[in-house]
Amino acid sequence: MVNTADMLKLFAKHRGDAIVVSGRGGKHWINLSDTALDMPLGDPAMGGHCGFAFGLAMALPHRKIVLFDSEGDLQMSLGILMTIAEQKPDNFYHFMLDNECYATTGGQPVPNAKNVRYDQIALGAGYPRAFAFNELDGFSKALPEILGGKGPVFAAIKVKPEVENEAIGNRKKWRTRSQVQVVADLRKELQIA
């Protein structure tokens, strides 16, 4: 299993000017990056991150969109994979961090966690390329190919769980800007009215 922070540091070297949507899987990204091109969505209803990132990819076809998803989030909306595959946004890069549990709600196990092959689900849904990684070295070697090719592409990465056992109201807030502020900054950066 991979340490999420190490994986995100490695990704940062290859990011370029991609817009990054950091869902539950990528919340550590906020600590590694300081750019108006980050979209920290906080905690919308589980299953919402992928649809948002896909919509962003469709709205901004000239920009690379990267999503750091989680397996728990994706399980809540598996149908989005078929929609993404059908629409074929070649600027969409879907990274799913699999810690085998619902870490943000206390660490409850994800159903059949050790046996699900999310890369195979993505391929079965119609993604043209999908990868699975259990260790950082393999991910590091494949990352230039993943980001260098056209999307949609899916990469499942087994990560070490970091379970939040504090009551939700007592947790340290990791989102540094409001959603309104993020969208305003992105519109300004992209010169959209």
C-alpha atoms as a PDB file:
ATOM      1  CA  MET A   1       0.000   0.000   0.000  1.00  0.00           C
ATOM      2  CA  VAL A   2       1.079   3.552  -0.780  1.00  0.00           C
ATOM      3  CA  ASN A   3       1.303   6.541   1.538  1.00  0.00           C
ATOM      4  CA  THR A   4      -1.124   9.124   0.097  1.00  0.00           C
ATOM      5  CA  ALA A   5       1.113  12.123   0.804  1.00  0.00           C
ATOM      6  CA  ASP A   6       4.058  10.447  -0.991  1.00  0.00           C
ATOM      7  CA  MET A   7       1.887   9.651  -4.004  1.00  0.00           C
ATOM      8  CA  LEU A   8       0.603  13.235  -4.191  1.00  0.00           C
ATOM      9  CA  LYS A   9       4.143  14.673  -3.942  1.00  0.00           C
ATOM     10  CA  LEU A  10       5.123  12.462  -6.868  1.00  0.00           C
ATOM     11  CA  PHE A  11       2.076  13.583  -8.851  1.00  0.00           C
ATOM     12  CA  ALA A  12       2.910  17.259  -8.167  1.00  0.00           C
ATOM     13  CA  LYS A  13       6.103  16.898 -10.228  1.00  0.00           C
ATOM     14  CA  HIS A  14       3.995  15.931 -13.265  1.00  0.00           C
ATOM     15  CA  ARG A  15       0.959  18.139 -12.689  1.00  0.00           C
ATOM     16  CA  GLY A  16       1.736  20.901 -15.155  1.00  0.00           C
ATOM     17  CA  ASP A  17      -1.202  23.291 -15.393  1.00  0.00           C
ATOM     18  CA  ALA A  18      -3.895  20.684 -14.754  1.00  0.00           C
ATOM     19  CA  ILE A  19      -6.928  21.654 -12.719  1.00  0.00           C
ATOM     20  CA  VAL A  20      -7.004  19.321  -9.721  1.00  0.00           C
ATOM     21  CA  VAL A  21     -10.242  18.302  -8.037  1.00  0.00           C
ATOM     22  CA  SER A  22      -9.315  16.928  -4.642  1.00  0.00           C
ATOM     23  CA  GLY A  23     -12.183  14.808  -3.442  1.00  0.00           C
ATOM     24  CA  ARG A  24     -12.064  12.758  -0.270  1.00  0.00           C
ATOM     25  CA  GLY A  25      -9.228  10.722  -1.762  1.00  0.00           C
ATOM     26  CA  GLY A  26      -7.014  13.741  -2.344  1.00  0.00           C
ATOM     27  CA  LYS A  27      -7.665  15.997   0.619  1.00  0.00           C
ATOM     28  CA  HIS A  28      -3.919  16.018   1.429  1.00  0.00           C
ATOM     29  CA  TRP A  29      -3.391  17.806  -1.879  1.00  0.00           C
ATOM     30  CA  ILE A  30      -4.497  21.027  -0.195  1.00  0.00           C
ATOM     31  CA  ASN A  31      -1.364  20.924   1.973  1.00  0.00           C
ATOM     32  CA  LEU A  32       0.929  20.338  -1.023  1.00  0.00           C
ATOM     33  CA  SER A  33      -0.343  22.886  -3.487  1.00  0.00           C
ATOM     34  CA  ASP A  34      -1.126  26.581  -3.428  1.00  0.00           C
ATOM     35  CA  THR A  35      -2.769  27.479  -6.689  1.00  0.00           C
ATOM     36  CA  ALA A  36      -6.018  28.935  -7.943  1.00  0.00           C
ATOM     37  CA  LEU A  37      -6.314  25.831 -10.132  1.00  0.00           C
ATOM     38  CA  ASP A  38      -7.150  23.575  -7.161  1.00  0.00           C
ATOM     39  CA  MET A  39     -10.776  22.660  -6.559  1.00  0.00           C
ATOM     40  CA  PRO A  40     -11.124  21.486  -2.935  1.00  0.00           C
ATOM     41  CA  LEU A  41     -14.774  20.490  -2.783  1.00  0.00           C
ATOM     42  CA  GLY A  42     -14.934  19.607   0.875  1.00  0.00           C
ATOM     43  CA  ASP A  43     -17.654  17.143   1.736  1.00  0.00           C
ATOM     44  CA  PRO A  44     -20.524  17.150  -0.739  1.00  0.00           C
ATOM     45  CA  ALA A  45     -22.778  14.100  -0.675  1.00  0.00           C
ATOM     46  CA  MET A  46     -20.706  10.979  -1.202  1.00  0.00           C
ATOM     47  CA  GLY A  47     -20.530  10.208  -4.888  1.00  0.00           C
ATOM     48  CA  GLY A  48     -20.491  13.846  -5.982  1.00  0.00           C
ATOM     49  CA  HIS A  49     -16.801  14.456  -6.679  1.00  0.00           C
ATOM     50  CA  CYS A  50     -16.558  12.389  -9.855  1.00  0.00           C
ATOM     51  CA  GLY A  51     -19.633  13.949 -11.452  1.00  0.00           C
ATOM     52  CA  PHE A  52     -18.335  17.439 -10.661  1.00  0.00           C
ATOM     53  CA  ALA A  53     -14.885  16.726 -12.127  1.00  0.00           C
ATOM     54  CA  PHE A  54     -16.424  15.115 -15.217  1.00  0.00           C
ATOM     55  CA  GLY A  55     -18.660  18.172 -15.720  1.00  0.00           C
ATOM     56  CA  LEU A  56     -15.618  20.418 -15.409  1.00  0.00           C
ATOM     57  CA  ALA A  57     -13.794  18.330 -18.035  1.00  0.00           C
ATOM     58  CA  MET A  58     -16.742  18.657 -20.417  1.00  0.00           C
ATOM     59  CA  ALA A  59     -17.025  22.415 -19.813  1.00  0.00           C
ATOM     60  CA  LEU A  60     -13.283  23.058 -20.233  1.00  0.00           C
ATOM     61  CA  PRO A  61     -12.142  20.627 -22.976  1.00  0.00           C
ATOM     62  CA  HIS A  62      -8.935  22.615 -23.517  1.00  0.00           C
ATOM     63  CA  ARG A  63      -7.773  22.030 -19.896  1.00  0.00           C
ATOM     64  CA  LYS A  64      -6.491  18.841 -18.272  1.00  0.00           C
ATOM     65  CA  ILE A  65      -8.760  17.855 -15.337  1.00  0.00           C
ATOM     66  CA  VAL A  66      -7.410  15.533 -12.634  1.00  0.00           C
ATOM     67  CA  LEU A  67      -9.649  13.984  -9.979  1.00  0.00           C
ATOM     68  CA  PHE A  68      -8.411  12.372  -6.758  1.00  0.00           C
ATOM     69  CA  ASP A  69     -11.393  10.190  -5.899  1.00  0.00           C
ATOM     70  CA  SER A  70     -11.911   7.539  -3.211  1.00  0.00           C
ATOM     71  CA  GLU A  71     -13.375   4.064  -3.537  1.00  0.00           C
ATOM     72  CA  GLY A  72     -16.142   4.818  -1.038  1.00  0.00           C
ATOM     73  CA  ASP A  73     -17.112   7.924  -2.996  1.00  0.00           C
ATOM     74  CA  LEU A  74     -17.030   6.075  -6.318  1.00  0.00           C
ATOM     75  CA  GLN A  75     -19.156   3.211  -4.985  1.00  0.00           C
ATOM     76  CA  MET A  76     -21.948   5.701  -4.337  1.00  0.00           C
ATOM     77  CA  SER A  77     -22.128   6.574  -8.058  1.00  0.00           C
ATOM     78  CA  LEU A  78     -20.629   3.780 -10.167  1.00  0.00           C
ATOM     79  CA  GLY A  79     -22.932   4.731 -13.035  1.00  0.00           C
ATOM     80  CA  ILE A  80     -20.836   7.845 -13.658  1.00  0.00           C
ATOM     81  CA  LEU A  81     -18.117   5.586 -15.111  1.00  0.00           C
ATOM     82  CA  MET A  82     -20.392   4.602 -18.011  1.00  0.00           C
ATOM     83  CA  THR A  83     -21.297   8.236 -18.701  1.00  0.00           C
ATOM     84  CA  ILE A  84     -17.640   9.289 -18.703  1.00  0.00           C
ATOM     85  CA  ALA A  85     -16.710   6.395 -21.003  1.00  0.00           C
ATOM     86  CA  GLU A  86     -19.534   7.267 -23.402  1.00  0.00           C
ATOM     87  CA  GLN A  87     -18.643  10.957 -23.581  1.00  0.00           C
ATOM     88  CA  LYS A  88     -14.875  10.261 -23.850  1.00  0.00           C
ATOM     89  CA  PRO A  89     -13.452  13.496 -22.392  1.00  0.00           C
ATOM     90  CA  ASP A  90      -9.836  13.215 -23.511  1.00  0.00           C
ATOM     91  CA  ASN A  91      -8.809  15.729 -20.825  1.00  0.00           C
ATOM     92  CA  PHE A  92     -10.098  13.657 -17.840  1.00  0.00           C
ATOM     93  CA  TYR A  93      -7.643  11.838 -15.543  1.00  0.00           C
ATOM     94  CA  HIS A  94      -9.376   9.836 -12.795  1.00  0.00           C
ATOM     95  CA  PHE A  95      -7.204   8.718  -9.875  1.00  0.00           C
ATOM     96  CA  MET A  96      -9.016   6.636  -7.247  1.00  0.00           C
ATOM     97  CA  LEU A  97      -7.351   6.150  -3.871  1.00  0.00           C
ATOM     98  CA  ASP A  98      -8.459   2.888  -2.282  1.00  0.00           C
ATOM     99  CA  ASN A  99      -7.854   2.558   1.467  1.00  0.00           C
ATOM    100  CA  GLU A 100     -10.405  -0.266   1.851  1.00  0.00           C
ATOM    101  CA  CYS A 101     -12.502   1.695   4.363  1.00  0.00           C
ATOM    102  CA  TYR A 102     -14.758   4.702   4.817  1.00  0.00           C
ATOM    103  CA  ALA A 103     -12.028   6.710   6.534  1.00  0.00           C
ATOM    104  CA  THR A 104     -13.926   9.989   6.886  1.00  0.00           C
ATOM    105  CA  THR A 105     -16.756   8.381   8.827  1.00  0.00           C
ATOM    106  CA  GLY A 106     -14.692   6.287  11.242  1.00  0.00           C
ATOM    107  CA  GLY A 107     -13.024   3.485   9.285  1.00  0.00           C
ATOM    108  CA  GLN A 108     -15.893   1.134   8.530  1.00  0.00           C
ATOM    109  CA  PRO A 109     -14.782  -1.474   5.956  1.00  0.00           C
ATOM    110  CA  VAL A 110     -15.786  -1.016   2.333  1.00  0.00           C
ATOM    111  CA  PRO A 111     -17.722  -4.090   1.095  1.00  0.00           C
ATOM    112  CA  ASN A 112     -15.490  -6.772  -0.467  1.00  0.00           C
ATOM    113  CA  ALA A 113     -12.568  -4.335  -0.191  1.00  0.00           C
ATOM    114  CA  LYS A 114      -9.725  -6.769  -0.836  1.00  0.00           C
ATOM    115  CA  ASN A 115     -11.301  -8.309  -3.941  1.00  0.00           C
ATOM    116  CA  VAL A 116     -12.732  -5.427  -5.971  1.00  0.00           C
ATOM    117  CA  ARG A 117     -10.757  -4.624  -9.136  1.00  0.00           C
ATOM    118  CA  TYR A 118     -11.732  -1.044  -9.834  1.00  0.00           C
ATOM    119  CA  ASP A 119      -9.478  -0.881 -12.888  1.00  0.00           C
ATOM    120  CA  GLN A 120     -11.434  -3.781 -14.382  1.00  0.00           C
ATOM    121  CA  ILE A 121     -14.739  -2.084 -13.537  1.00  0.00           C
ATOM    122  CA  ALA A 122     -13.533   1.064 -15.335  1.00  0.00           C
ATOM    123  CA  LEU A 123     -12.460  -0.962 -18.383  1.00  0.00           C
ATOM    124  CA  GLY A 124     -15.791  -2.814 -18.344  1.00  0.00           C
ATOM    125  CA  ALA A 125     -17.604   0.523 -18.227  1.00  0.00           C
ATOM    126  CA  GLY A 126     -15.719   1.592 -21.354  1.00  0.00           C
ATOM    127  CA  TYR A 127     -12.699   3.579 -20.184  1.00  0.00           C
ATOM    128  CA  PRO A 128     -10.041   3.040 -22.875  1.00  0.00           C
ATOM    129  CA  ARG A 129      -7.184   2.896 -20.332  1.00  0.00           C
ATOM    130  CA  ALA A 130      -7.120   1.768 -16.705  1.00  0.00           C
ATOM    131  CA  PHE A 131      -4.345   0.942 -14.255  1.00  0.00           C
ATOM    132  CA  ALA A 132      -4.010  -0.527 -10.754  1.00  0.00           C
ATOM    133  CA  PHE A 133      -1.135   0.064  -8.328  1.00  0.00           C
ATOM    134  CA  ASN A 134      -0.208  -1.388  -4.939  1.00  0.00           C
ATOM    135  CA  GLU A 135       3.168   0.296  -4.574  1.00  0.00           C
ATOM    136  CA  LEU A 136       4.714   3.675  -5.270  1.00  0.00           C
ATOM    137  CA  ASP A 137       7.463   2.519  -7.634  1.00  0.00           C
ATOM    138  CA  GLY A 138       5.026   1.113 -10.209  1.00  0.00           C
ATOM    139  CA  PHE A 139       2.889   4.235  -9.989  1.00  0.00           C
ATOM    140  CA  SER A 140       5.964   6.433 -10.407  1.00  0.00           C
ATOM    141  CA  LYS A 141       7.039   4.585 -13.557  1.00  0.00           C
ATOM    142  CA  ALA A 142       3.549   4.670 -15.117  1.00  0.00           C
ATOM    143  CA  LEU A 143       2.630   8.267 -14.219  1.00  0.00           C
ATOM    144  CA  PRO A 144       4.234   9.916 -17.300  1.00  0.00           C
ATOM    145  CA  GLU A 145       2.332   7.474 -19.550  1.00  0.00           C
ATOM    146  CA  ILE A 146      -0.933   8.034 -17.676  1.00  0.00           C
ATOM    147  CA  LEU A 147      -0.751  11.833 -17.842  1.00  0.00           C
ATOM    148  CA  GLY A 148       0.947  11.918 -21.250  1.00  0.00           C
ATOM    149  CA  GLY A 149      -1.814  10.035 -23.034  1.00  0.00           C
ATOM    150  CA  LYS A 150      -5.378  11.041 -23.739  1.00  0.00           C
ATOM    151  CA  GLY A 151      -8.187  10.449 -21.312  1.00  0.00           C
ATOM    152  CA  PRO A 152     -10.419   9.334 -20.050  1.00  0.00           C
ATOM    153  CA  VAL A 153      -8.032   7.265 -18.008  1.00  0.00           C
ATOM    154  CA  PHE A 154      -8.552   5.558 -14.642  1.00  0.00           C
ATOM    155  CA  ALA A 155      -5.887   4.657 -12.079  1.00  0.00           C
ATOM    156  CA  ALA A 156      -6.724   2.778  -8.869  1.00  0.00           C
ATOM    157  CA  ILE A 157      -4.089   3.140  -6.152  1.00  0.00           C
ATOM    158  CA  LYS A 158      -4.118   1.134  -2.909  1.00  0.00           C
ATOM    159  CA  VAL A 159      -3.278   3.577  -0.104  1.00  0.00           C
ATOM    160  CA  LYS A 160      -2.746   3.211   3.609  1.00  0.00           C
ATOM    161  CA  PRO A 161      -5.873   4.129   5.554  1.00  0.00           C
ATOM    162  CA  GLU A 162      -5.828   7.319   7.593  1.00  0.00           C
ATOM    163  CA  VAL A 163      -8.972   6.998   9.640  1.00  0.00           C
ATOM    164  CA  GLU A 164     -10.590  10.065  11.183  1.00  0.00           C
ATOM    165  CA  ASN A 165     -12.100   9.012  14.505  1.00  0.00           C
ATOM    166  CA  GLU A 166     -12.900  12.487  15.780  1.00  0.00           C
ATOM    167  CA  ALA A 167     -16.526  13.554  15.692  1.00  0.00           C
ATOM    168  CA  ILE A 168     -17.103  15.445  12.446  1.00  0.00           C
ATOM    169  CA  GLY A 169     -17.794  18.720  14.267  1.00  0.00           C
ATOM    170  CA  ASN A 170     -14.463  18.465  16.133  1.00  0.00           C
ATOM    171  CA  ARG A 171     -12.234  17.770  13.126  1.00  0.00           C
ATOM    172  CA  LYS A 172      -9.610  20.206  11.914  1.00  0.00           C
ATOM    173  CA  LYS A 173     -10.904  21.896   8.786  1.00  0.00           C
ATOM    174  CA  TRP A 174      -8.699  21.037   5.804  1.00  0.00           C
ATOM    175  CA  ARG A 175     -10.436  23.168   3.214  1.00  0.00           C
ATOM    176  CA  THR A 176      -8.718  26.556   3.110  1.00  0.00           C
ATOM    177  CA  ARG A 177     -11.036  28.415   0.701  1.00  0.00           C
ATOM    178  CA  SER A 178     -14.801  28.372   0.294  1.00  0.00           C
ATOM    179  CA  GLN A 179     -16.312  26.780  -2.806  1.00  0.00           C
ATOM    180  CA  VAL A 180     -17.492  30.211  -3.937  1.00  0.00           C
ATOM    181  CA  GLN A 181     -13.960  31.572  -3.612  1.00  0.00           C
ATOM    182  CA  VAL A 182     -12.483  28.616  -5.533  1.00  0.00           C
ATOM    183  CA  VAL A 183     -14.896  29.084  -8.437  1.00  0.00           C
ATOM    184  CA  ALA A 184     -14.301  32.857  -8.482  1.00  0.00           C
ATOM    185  CA  ASP A 185     -10.521  32.315  -8.560  1.00  0.00           C
ATOM    186  CA  LEU A 186     -10.847  29.758 -11.367  1.00  0.00           C
ATOM    187  CA  ARG A 187     -13.079  32.059 -13.419  1.00  0.00           C
ATOM    188  CA  LYS A 188     -10.549  34.880 -12.985  1.00  0.00           C
ATOM    189  CA  GLU A 189      -7.636  32.593 -13.928  1.00  0.00           C
ATOM    190  CA  LEU A 190      -9.440  31.312 -17.020  1.00  0.00           C
ATOM    191  CA  GLN A 191     -10.946  34.730 -17.823  1.00  0.00           C
ATOM    192  CA  ILE A 192     -14.510  33.439 -17.794  1.00  0.00           C
ATOM    193  CA  ALA A 193     -17.328  35.915 -17.140  1.00  0.00           C
END
